[in-house]
PDB file of N, CA and C in Angstrom:
ATOM      1  N   MET A   1      27.515  19.954  29.445  1.00  0.00           N
ATOM      2  CA  MET A   1      26.634  19.937  28.051  1.00  0.00           C
ATOM      3  C   MET A   1      27.472  18.953  27.340  1.00  0.00           C
ATOM      4  N   ALA A   2      26.138  17.870  27.294  1.00  0.00           N
ATOM      5  CA  ALA A   2      26.703  16.337  26.304  1.00  0.00           C
ATOM      6  C   ALA A   2      27.033  17.319  24.549  1.00  0.00           C
ATOM      7  N   THR A   3      27.804  16.802  24.008  1.00  0.00           N
ATOM      8  CA  THR A   3      28.049  17.566  22.522  1.00  0.00           C
ATOM      9  C   THR A   3      27.489  15.908  21.962  1.00  0.00           C
ATOM     10  N   THR A   4      27.191  16.453  20.765  1.00  0.00           N
ATOM     11  CA  THR A   4      26.514  15.948  19.814  1.00  0.00           C
ATOM     12  C   THR A   4      28.116  15.726  18.562  1.00  0.00           C
ATOM     13  N   SER A   5      28.206  14.162  18.019  1.00  0.00           N
ATOM     14  CA  SER A   5      28.993  14.466  16.748  1.00  0.00           C
ATOM     15  C   SER A   5      27.466  14.928  15.582  1.00  0.00           C
ATOM     16  N   PRO A   6      28.948  15.559  14.723  1.00  0.00           N
ATOM     17  CA  PRO A   6      28.379  16.213  13.043  1.00  0.00           C
ATOM     18  C   PRO A   6      27.782  14.958  12.791  1.00  0.00           C
ATOM     19  N   VAL A   7      28.400  14.078  12.798  1.00  0.00           N
ATOM     20  CA  VAL A   7      28.160  12.603  11.745  1.00  0.00           C
ATOM     21  C   VAL A   7      26.843  12.872  12.117  1.00  0.00           C
ATOM     22  N   SER A   8      26.414  12.348  13.335  1.00  0.00           N
ATOM     23  CA  SER A   8      25.421  11.299  13.957  1.00  0.00           C
ATOM     24  C   SER A   8      24.394  12.770  13.753  1.00  0.00           C
ATOM     25  N   CYS A   9      24.399  14.281  14.003  1.00  0.00           N
ATOM     26  CA  CYS A   9      23.463  14.841  13.627  1.00  0.00           C
ATOM     27  C   CYS A   9      22.829  14.929  12.347  1.00  0.00           C
ATOM     28  N   VAL A  10      23.696  14.190  11.514  1.00  0.00           N
ATOM     29  CA  VAL A  10      23.280  14.517  10.142  1.00  0.00           C
ATOM     30  C   VAL A  10      22.644  13.327   9.511  1.00  0.00           C
ATOM     31  N   MET A  11      22.834  12.383  10.757  1.00  0.00           N
ATOM     32  CA  MET A  11      22.216  10.754   9.695  1.00  0.00           C
ATOM     33  C   MET A  11      21.094  10.995  10.776  1.00  0.00           C
ATOM     34  N   HIS A  12      20.661  11.617  12.439  1.00  0.00           N
ATOM     35  CA  HIS A  12      19.476  11.586  12.916  1.00  0.00           C
ATOM     36  C   HIS A  12      18.300  13.238  11.928  1.00  0.00           C
ATOM     37  N   ILE A  13      18.923  13.539  11.083  1.00  0.00           N
ATOM     38  CA  ILE A  13      18.229  14.367  10.314  1.00  0.00           C
ATOM     39  C   ILE A  13      18.228  13.052   9.469  1.00  0.00           C
ATOM     40  N   GLY A  14      18.573  12.876   8.548  1.00  0.00           N
ATOM     41  CA  GLY A  14      17.534  12.075   7.470  1.00  0.00           C
ATOM     42  C   GLY A  14      17.615  10.974   7.850  1.00  0.00           C
ATOM     43  N   GLU A  15      17.038  10.624   9.642  1.00  0.00           N
ATOM     44  CA  GLU A  15      16.778   9.870   9.295  1.00  0.00           C
ATOM     45  C   GLU A  15      15.111   9.987   9.617  1.00  0.00           C
ATOM     46  N   VAL A  16      15.033  11.325   9.794  1.00  0.00           N
ATOM     47  CA  VAL A  16      13.795  11.677  10.422  1.00  0.00           C
ATOM     48  C   VAL A  16      13.029  12.414   8.383  1.00  0.00           C
ATOM     49  N   ALA A  17      14.230  12.751   7.823  1.00  0.00           N
ATOM     50  CA  ALA A  17      14.086  13.416   6.565  1.00  0.00           C
ATOM     51  C   ALA A  17      12.957  12.061   6.053  1.00  0.00           C
ATOM     52  N   GLY A  18      13.577  10.661   5.898  1.00  0.00           N
ATOM     53  CA  GLY A  18      12.715   9.684   5.928  1.00  0.00           C
ATOM     54  C   GLY A  18      11.160   9.494   6.428  1.00  0.00           C
ATOM     55  N   THR A  19      11.013   9.597   7.471  1.00  0.00           N
ATOM     56  CA  THR A  19       9.841  10.187   8.111  1.00  0.00           C
ATOM     57  C   THR A  19       9.223  11.092   7.700  1.00  0.00           C
ATOM     58  N   VAL A  20       9.733  11.915   7.118  1.00  0.00           N
ATOM     59  CA  VAL A  20       9.218  13.490   6.645  1.00  0.00           C
ATOM     60  C   VAL A  20       8.563  13.100   5.304  1.00  0.00           C
ATOM     61  N   TRP A  21       9.121  11.884   4.640  1.00  0.00           N
ATOM     62  CA  TRP A  21       8.926  11.802   3.104  1.00  0.00           C
ATOM     63  C   TRP A  21       7.535  10.324   3.679  1.00  0.00           C
ATOM     64  N   ARG A  22       7.858   9.293   4.125  1.00  0.00           N
ATOM     65  CA  ARG A  22       6.878   8.860   4.079  1.00  0.00           C
ATOM     66  C   ARG A  22       5.799   9.135   4.667  1.00  0.00           C
ATOM     67  N   THR A  23       5.201  10.305   5.204  1.00  0.00           N
ATOM     68  CA  THR A  23       4.841  10.882   5.876  1.00  0.00           C
ATOM     69  C   THR A  23       3.632  11.839   4.837  1.00  0.00           C
ATOM     70  N   LEU A  24       4.611  12.396   4.100  1.00  0.00           N
ATOM     71  CA  LEU A  24       3.916  12.624   2.327  1.00  0.00           C
ATOM     72  C   LEU A  24       3.336  12.157   2.007  1.00  0.00           C
ATOM     73  N   SER A  25       4.192  10.743   1.790  1.00  0.00           N
ATOM     74  CA  SER A  25       3.406   9.938   0.876  1.00  0.00           C
ATOM     75  C   SER A  25       2.199   8.640   1.232  1.00  0.00           C
ATOM     76  N   ASP A  26       2.510   8.942   2.592  1.00  0.00           N
ATOM     77  CA  ASP A  26       0.865   8.534   3.305  1.00  0.00           C
ATOM     78  C   ASP A  26      -0.460   9.197   3.510  1.00  0.00           C
ATOM     79  N   GLU A  27      -0.238  10.196   3.655  1.00  0.00           N
ATOM     80  CA  GLU A  27      -0.842  11.562   3.495  1.00  0.00           C
ATOM     81  C   GLU A  27      -1.048  12.812   2.546  1.00  0.00           C
ATOM     82  N   GLY A  28      -0.647  12.562   1.362  1.00  0.00           N
ATOM     83  CA  GLY A  28      -0.748  13.908   0.803  1.00  0.00           C
ATOM     84  C   GLY A  28      -0.416  15.187   1.365  1.00  0.00           C
ATOM     85  N   PRO A  29      -0.469  16.134   0.623  1.00  0.00           N
ATOM     86  CA  PRO A  29      -0.371  17.525   1.396  1.00  0.00           C
ATOM     87  C   PRO A  29      -0.830  17.501   2.509  1.00  0.00           C
ATOM     88  N   VAL A  30      -0.200  18.458   3.614  1.00  0.00           N
ATOM     89  CA  VAL A  30      -0.106  18.403   4.822  1.00  0.00           C
ATOM     90  C   VAL A  30       0.581  19.804   5.129  1.00  0.00           C
ATOM     91  N   THR A  31       0.030  20.575   5.804  1.00  0.00           N
ATOM     92  CA  THR A  31      -0.006  22.175   6.454  1.00  0.00           C
ATOM     93  C   THR A  31       1.348  21.392   6.877  1.00  0.00           C
ATOM     94  N   LEU A  32       2.798  22.506   6.929  1.00  0.00           N
ATOM     95  CA  LEU A  32       3.761  23.196   8.059  1.00  0.00           C
ATOM     96  C   LEU A  32       3.666  22.672   9.180  1.00  0.00           C
ATOM     97  N   ALA A  33       2.183  22.553   9.589  1.00  0.00           N
ATOM     98  CA  ALA A  33       2.451  22.560  10.992  1.00  0.00           C
ATOM     99  C   ALA A  33       2.389  20.977  11.122  1.00  0.00           C
ATOM    100  N   LYS A  34       0.364  20.933  10.746  1.00  0.00           N
ATOM    101  CA  LYS A  34       0.034  19.513  10.419  1.00  0.00           C
ATOM    102  C   LYS A  34       1.696  18.322  10.292  1.00  0.00           C
ATOM    103  N   LEU A  35       2.050  18.229   9.767  1.00  0.00           N
ATOM    104  CA  LEU A  35       3.556  17.231   9.698  1.00  0.00           C
ATOM    105  C   LEU A  35       3.940  17.745  10.775  1.00  0.00           C
ATOM    106  N   VAL A  36       4.961  17.962  11.447  1.00  0.00           N
ATOM    107  CA  VAL A  36       5.354  18.502  12.510  1.00  0.00           C
ATOM    108  C   VAL A  36       5.043  18.146  13.868  1.00  0.00           C
ATOM    109  N   LYS A  37       3.371  17.891  14.008  1.00  0.00           N
ATOM    110  CA  LYS A  37       2.368  17.330  14.541  1.00  0.00           C
ATOM    111  C   LYS A  37       2.523  15.585  15.052  1.00  0.00           C
ATOM    112  N   MET A  38       2.795  15.606  13.144  1.00  0.00           N
ATOM    113  CA  MET A  38       2.681  14.110  12.757  1.00  0.00           C
ATOM    114  C   MET A  38       4.238  13.023  13.086  1.00  0.00           C
ATOM    115  N   VAL A  39       5.355  13.502  12.746  1.00  0.00           N
ATOM    116  CA  VAL A  39       6.229  13.453  13.365  1.00  0.00           C
ATOM    117  C   VAL A  39       7.003  13.138  14.225  1.00  0.00           C
ATOM    118  N   ASP A  40       7.652  12.351  14.656  1.00  0.00           N
ATOM    119  CA  ASP A  40       7.634  12.259  16.517  1.00  0.00           C
ATOM    120  C   ASP A  40       8.944  13.063  16.485  1.00  0.00           C
ATOM    121  N   ALA A  41       9.637  14.023  16.318  1.00  0.00           N
ATOM    122  CA  ALA A  41      10.511  14.348  16.335  1.00  0.00           C
ATOM    123  C   ALA A  41      10.510  16.178  16.660  1.00  0.00           C
ATOM    124  N   PRO A  42      11.522  16.323  17.018  1.00  0.00           N
ATOM    125  CA  PRO A  42      11.528  18.035  17.582  1.00  0.00           C
ATOM    126  C   PRO A  42      11.479  18.707  16.663  1.00  0.00           C
ATOM    127  N   ARG A  43      10.463  20.070  16.385  1.00  0.00           N
ATOM    128  CA  ARG A  43      10.031  20.657  15.469  1.00  0.00           C
ATOM    129  C   ARG A  43      11.199  21.417  14.191  1.00  0.00           C
ATOM    130  N   ASP A  44      12.501  21.927  15.402  1.00  0.00           N
ATOM    131  CA  ASP A  44      13.515  22.725  13.881  1.00  0.00           C
ATOM    132  C   ASP A  44      14.269  21.055  13.553  1.00  0.00           C
ATOM    133  N   THR A  45      14.089  19.967  14.197  1.00  0.00           N
ATOM    134  CA  THR A  45      14.587  18.580  13.574  1.00  0.00           C
ATOM    135  C   THR A  45      13.953  18.223  12.422  1.00  0.00           C
ATOM    136  N   VAL A  46      12.680  19.057  12.229  1.00  0.00           N
ATOM    137  CA  VAL A  46      11.205  18.493  10.966  1.00  0.00           C
ATOM    138  C   VAL A  46      11.539  19.282  10.019  1.00  0.00           C
ATOM    139  N   MET A  47      11.974  20.534  10.551  1.00  0.00           N
ATOM    140  CA  MET A  47      12.307  21.851   9.541  1.00  0.00           C
ATOM    141  C   MET A  47      13.983  21.221   8.749  1.00  0.00           C
ATOM    142  N   GLN A  48      14.769  20.796  10.328  1.00  0.00           N
ATOM    143  CA  GLN A  48      15.986  20.393   9.148  1.00  0.00           C
ATOM    144  C   GLN A  48      15.687  20.256   7.926  1.00  0.00           C
ATOM    145  N   ALA A  49      14.852  18.775   8.334  1.00  0.00           N
ATOM    146  CA  ALA A  49      14.603  17.429   7.093  1.00  0.00           C
ATOM    147  C   ALA A  49      13.909  18.236   5.950  1.00  0.00           C
ATOM    148  N   VAL A  50      13.004  18.959   6.537  1.00  0.00           N
ATOM    149  CA  VAL A  50      12.381  19.613   4.991  1.00  0.00           C
ATOM    150  C   VAL A  50      13.496  20.394   4.340  1.00  0.00           C
ATOM    151  N   GLY A  51      14.459  20.615   4.755  1.00  0.00           N
ATOM    152  CA  GLY A  51      15.027  21.233   4.191  1.00  0.00           C
ATOM    153  C   GLY A  51      16.017  20.515   3.642  1.00  0.00           C
ATOM    154  N   TRP A  52      15.798  19.585   3.530  1.00  0.00           N
ATOM    155  CA  TRP A  52      16.985  18.231   3.218  1.00  0.00           C
ATOM    156  C   TRP A  52      16.089  18.259   1.680  1.00  0.00           C
ATOM    157  N   LEU A  53      14.941  17.713   1.812  1.00  0.00           N
ATOM    158  CA  LEU A  53      13.730  16.999   1.286  1.00  0.00           C
ATOM    159  C   LEU A  53      13.961  18.044  -0.117  1.00  0.00           C
ATOM    160  N   ALA A  54      13.733  19.315   0.244  1.00  0.00           N
ATOM    161  CA  ALA A  54      13.688  20.721  -0.151  1.00  0.00           C
ATOM    162  C   ALA A  54      15.055  20.414  -1.673  1.00  0.00           C
ATOM    163  N   ARG A  55      15.898  20.267  -1.134  1.00  0.00           N
ATOM    164  CA  ARG A  55      17.331  20.801  -1.568  1.00  0.00           C
ATOM    165  C   ARG A  55      17.168  19.687  -3.005  1.00  0.00           C
ATOM    166  N   GLU A  56      16.865  18.588  -2.039  1.00  0.00           N
ATOM    167  CA  GLU A  56      17.389  17.436  -3.350  1.00  0.00           C
ATOM    168  C   GLU A  56      15.934  17.042  -4.558  1.00  0.00           C
ATOM    169  N   GLY A  57      15.392  18.348  -4.389  1.00  0.00           N
ATOM    170  CA  GLY A  57      14.055  18.337  -4.937  1.00  0.00           C
ATOM    171  C   GLY A  57      12.527  17.662  -4.738  1.00  0.00           C
ATOM    172  N   LYS A  58      13.158  16.575  -3.609  1.00  0.00           N
ATOM    173  CA  LYS A  58      11.875  15.714  -3.718  1.00  0.00           C
ATOM    174  C   LYS A  58      10.631  16.066  -3.056  1.00  0.00           C
ATOM    175  N   VAL A  59      10.234  17.600  -2.424  1.00  0.00           N
ATOM    176  CA  VAL A  59       9.157  17.844  -1.848  1.00  0.00           C
ATOM    177  C   VAL A  59       9.065  19.793  -2.125  1.00  0.00           C
ATOM    178  N   GLY A  60       7.520  20.347  -3.167  1.00  0.00           N
ATOM    179  CA  GLY A  60       7.351  21.288  -2.778  1.00  0.00           C
ATOM    180  C   GLY A  60       6.639  21.554  -1.344  1.00  0.00           C
ATOM    181  N   PHE A  61       6.073  22.939  -2.223  1.00  0.00           N
ATOM    182  CA  PHE A  61       5.383  23.985  -1.673  1.00  0.00           C
ATOM    183  C   PHE A  61       4.555  24.391  -2.142  1.00  0.00           C
ATOM    184  N   ASP A  62       3.412  24.690  -1.268  1.00  0.00           N
ATOM    185  CA  ASP A  62       2.144  25.163  -2.381  1.00  0.00           C
ATOM    186  C   ASP A  62       1.329  26.747  -0.738  1.00  0.00           C
ATOM    187  N   GLU A  63       2.037  27.474  -1.114  1.00  0.00           N
ATOM    188  CA  GLU A  63       1.237  29.174  -0.333  1.00  0.00           C
ATOM    189  C   GLU A  63       0.138  29.231  -0.565  1.00  0.00           C
ATOM    190  N   ASN A  64      -0.554  29.355  -0.150  1.00  0.00           N
ATOM    191  CA  ASN A  64      -2.514  30.408  -0.501  1.00  0.00           C
ATOM    192  C   ASN A  64      -2.614  30.976   0.583  1.00  0.00           C
ATOM    193  N   GLY A  65      -1.890  32.596   0.406  1.00  0.00           N
ATOM    194  CA  GLY A  65      -2.243  33.092   1.741  1.00  0.00           C
ATOM    195  C   GLY A  65      -1.190  32.639   2.875  1.00  0.00           C
ATOM    196  N   ARG A  66      -1.596  32.374   3.992  1.00  0.00           N
ATOM    197  CA  ARG A  66      -1.317  32.047   5.342  1.00  0.00           C
ATOM    198  C   ARG A  66      -1.085  30.352   5.500  1.00  0.00           C
ATOM    199  N   ASN A  67      -1.308  29.280   4.589  1.00  0.00           N
ATOM    200  CA  ASN A  67      -1.209  28.699   4.264  1.00  0.00           C
ATOM    201  C   ASN A  67      -0.591  27.569   3.536  1.00  0.00           C
ATOM    202  N   ARG A  68       0.633  27.226   4.208  1.00  0.00           N
ATOM    203  CA  ARG A  68       1.400  26.562   3.512  1.00  0.00           C
ATOM    204  C   ARG A  68       1.413  24.891   3.440  1.00  0.00           C
ATOM    205  N   LYS A  69       1.666  24.490   1.611  1.00  0.00           N
ATOM    206  CA  LYS A  69       1.583  23.161   2.739  1.00  0.00           C
ATOM    207  C   LYS A  69       2.448  22.374   1.909  1.00  0.00           C
ATOM    208  N   ILE A  70       3.103  21.371   2.047  1.00  0.00           N
ATOM    209  CA  ILE A  70       4.277  20.828   1.426  1.00  0.00           C
ATOM    210  C   ILE A  70       3.331  19.500   1.379  1.00  0.00           C
ATOM    211  N   PHE A  71       4.933  19.010  -0.333  1.00  0.00           N
ATOM    212  CA  PHE A  71       4.119  18.270  -0.894  1.00  0.00           C
ATOM    213  C   PHE A  71       4.838  17.163  -1.087  1.00  0.00           C
ATOM    214  N   LEU A  72       4.832  16.233  -1.617  1.00  0.00           N
ATOM    215  CA  LEU A  72       5.992  15.257  -2.287  1.00  0.00           C
ATOM    216  C   LEU A  72       6.465  15.669  -4.050  1.00  0.00           C
ATOM    217  N   GLN A  73       6.860  16.229  -4.495  1.00  0.00           N
ATOM    218  CA  GLN A  73       7.064  16.219  -6.164  1.00  0.00           C
ATOM    219  C   GLN A  73       7.196  14.703  -6.623  1.00  0.00           C
ATOM    220  N   PRO A  74       6.537  14.816  -8.167  1.00  0.00           N
ATOM    221  CA  PRO A  74       6.283  14.131  -8.837  1.00  0.00           C
ATOM    222  C   PRO A  74       7.742  13.608  -9.513  1.00  0.00           C
TER     223      PRO A  74
END
């Protein structure tokens, strides 16, 4: 089994976070499911990138029943 260094994993998540940010900037609020389809990365990596952005206060979430949208914070 090949292993990946922690540094390269963090760099990859950071790159995907940039893609997520640009996607939200271009498209506006989208559901998490749609975001995963729009970003060319595995679902787990997209979710880690969303978590990274949320921790930095760059994204927010709007929950309406089962529908959860993610958006860029102003």
